[in-house]
Amino acid sequence: MKLDLQGLACPSPLMQTIDALRTAETSGEQEVLVLVDDPGARDSVLRVSVKMGWTATCTRKAEAFWVYLTKK
């Protein structure tokens, strides 16, 4: 699943990521990619996804942060 949340201000990227992770867990998806361009949104997505039991890594590509989430 891929979420392009660039240009959105917090808390919208975080709330949409939480919804996507819950959907992914229900449907059995193991990977979610979240694109954000705000450092605060990146930090929030990383922190909350780990608390929800996902493994998180982040890479910066051009103007966006690519947050890769994998279910543990």
C-alpha atoms as a PDB file:
ATOM      1  CA  MET A   1       0.000   0.000   0.000  1.00  0.00           C
ATOM      2  CA  LYS A   2       1.288   3.472  -0.825  1.00  0.00           C
ATOM      3  CA  LEU A   3       0.159   6.751   0.734  1.00  0.00           C
ATOM      4  CA  ASP A   4       1.263  10.024  -0.835  1.00  0.00           C
ATOM      5  CA  LEU A   5       0.645  12.553   1.918  1.00  0.00           C
ATOM      6  CA  GLN A   6       2.955  15.295   0.675  1.00  0.00           C
ATOM      7  CA  GLY A   7       1.669  18.806   1.199  1.00  0.00           C
ATOM      8  CA  LEU A   8      -0.543  17.868   4.131  1.00  0.00           C
ATOM      9  CA  ALA A   9      -0.094  19.385   7.567  1.00  0.00           C
ATOM     10  CA  CYS A  10      -0.187  17.401  10.790  1.00  0.00           C
ATOM     11  CA  PRO A  11      -2.166  15.737  12.135  1.00  0.00           C
ATOM     12  CA  SER A  12      -3.639  14.648   8.780  1.00  0.00           C
ATOM     13  CA  PRO A  13      -0.649  12.528   7.615  1.00  0.00           C
ATOM     14  CA  LEU A  14      -0.505  10.787  10.979  1.00  0.00           C
ATOM     15  CA  MET A  15      -4.238  10.053  11.120  1.00  0.00           C
ATOM     16  CA  GLN A  16      -4.289   8.745   7.536  1.00  0.00           C
ATOM     17  CA  THR A  17      -1.273   6.544   8.279  1.00  0.00           C
ATOM     18  CA  ILE A  18      -2.936   5.102  11.378  1.00  0.00           C
ATOM     19  CA  ASP A  19      -6.053   4.299   9.340  1.00  0.00           C
ATOM     20  CA  ALA A  20      -3.930   2.688   6.607  1.00  0.00           C
ATOM     21  CA  LEU A  21      -2.001   0.564   9.108  1.00  0.00           C
ATOM     22  CA  ARG A  22      -5.225  -0.683  10.667  1.00  0.00           C
ATOM     23  CA  THR A  23      -6.573  -1.517   7.210  1.00  0.00           C
ATOM     24  CA  ALA A  24      -3.316  -3.255   6.304  1.00  0.00           C
ATOM     25  CA  GLU A  25      -3.451  -5.348   9.477  1.00  0.00           C
ATOM     26  CA  THR A  26      -7.057  -6.360   8.766  1.00  0.00           C
ATOM     27  CA  SER A  27      -6.328  -7.285   5.148  1.00  0.00           C
ATOM     28  CA  GLY A  28      -3.021  -9.026   5.918  1.00  0.00           C
ATOM     29  CA  GLU A  29      -0.814  -6.545   4.057  1.00  0.00           C
ATOM     30  CA  GLN A  30       2.758  -6.554   5.358  1.00  0.00           C
ATOM     31  CA  GLU A  31       4.160  -3.370   3.763  1.00  0.00           C
ATOM     32  CA  VAL A  32       3.090   0.253   3.653  1.00  0.00           C
ATOM     33  CA  LEU A  33       4.972   3.135   2.012  1.00  0.00           C
ATOM     34  CA  VAL A  34       4.183   6.635   3.282  1.00  0.00           C
ATOM     35  CA  LEU A  35       5.446   9.731   1.462  1.00  0.00           C
ATOM     36  CA  VAL A  36       5.543  12.954   3.489  1.00  0.00           C
ATOM     37  CA  ASP A  37       7.418  16.212   3.030  1.00  0.00           C
ATOM     38  CA  ASP A  38       7.196  17.599   6.553  1.00  0.00           C
ATOM     39  CA  PRO A  39       9.809  16.548   9.132  1.00  0.00           C
ATOM     40  CA  GLY A  40       7.220  16.693  11.919  1.00  0.00           C
ATOM     41  CA  ALA A  41       4.893  14.359  10.017  1.00  0.00           C
ATOM     42  CA  ARG A  42       7.818  12.021   9.357  1.00  0.00           C
ATOM     43  CA  ASP A  43       8.695  11.882  13.041  1.00  0.00           C
ATOM     44  CA  SER A  44       5.091  11.293  14.081  1.00  0.00           C
ATOM     45  CA  VAL A  45       4.548   8.541  11.506  1.00  0.00           C
ATOM     46  CA  LEU A  46       7.759   6.793  12.544  1.00  0.00           C
ATOM     47  CA  ARG A  47       7.004   6.999  16.266  1.00  0.00           C
ATOM     48  CA  VAL A  48       3.379   5.862  16.097  1.00  0.00           C
ATOM     49  CA  SER A  49       3.940   3.077  13.570  1.00  0.00           C
ATOM     50  CA  VAL A  50       6.620   1.529  15.801  1.00  0.00           C
ATOM     51  CA  LYS A  51       4.250   1.745  18.778  1.00  0.00           C
ATOM     52  CA  MET A  52       1.665  -0.104  16.640  1.00  0.00           C
ATOM     53  CA  GLY A  53       4.131  -2.956  16.060  1.00  0.00           C
ATOM     54  CA  TRP A  54       5.529  -2.022  12.655  1.00  0.00           C
ATOM     55  CA  THR A  55       9.196  -1.798  11.687  1.00  0.00           C
ATOM     56  CA  ALA A  56       9.968   1.644  10.249  1.00  0.00           C
ATOM     57  CA  THR A  57      12.791   2.988   8.094  1.00  0.00           C
ATOM     58  CA  CYS A  58      13.029   6.335   6.374  1.00  0.00           C
ATOM     59  CA  THR A  59      14.863   7.611   3.319  1.00  0.00           C
ATOM     60  CA  ARG A  60      14.910  11.094   1.845  1.00  0.00           C
ATOM     61  CA  LYS A  61      14.323  11.232  -1.903  1.00  0.00           C
ATOM     62  CA  ALA A  62      14.164  14.639  -3.584  1.00  0.00           C
ATOM     63  CA  GLU A  63      11.725  16.723  -1.539  1.00  0.00           C
ATOM     64  CA  ALA A  64      10.001  13.835   0.222  1.00  0.00           C
ATOM     65  CA  PHE A  65      10.624  11.476   3.087  1.00  0.00           C
ATOM     66  CA  TRP A  66       9.871   7.870   2.093  1.00  0.00           C
ATOM     67  CA  VAL A  67       8.791   6.011   5.209  1.00  0.00           C
ATOM     68  CA  TYR A  68       8.836   2.235   4.714  1.00  0.00           C
ATOM     69  CA  LEU A  69       6.695   0.322   7.186  1.00  0.00           C
ATOM     70  CA  THR A  70       6.827  -3.450   7.521  1.00  0.00           C
ATOM     71  CA  LYS A  71       4.763  -5.572   9.867  1.00  0.00           C
ATOM     72  CA  LYS A  72       6.934  -7.350  12.420  1.00  0.00           C
END
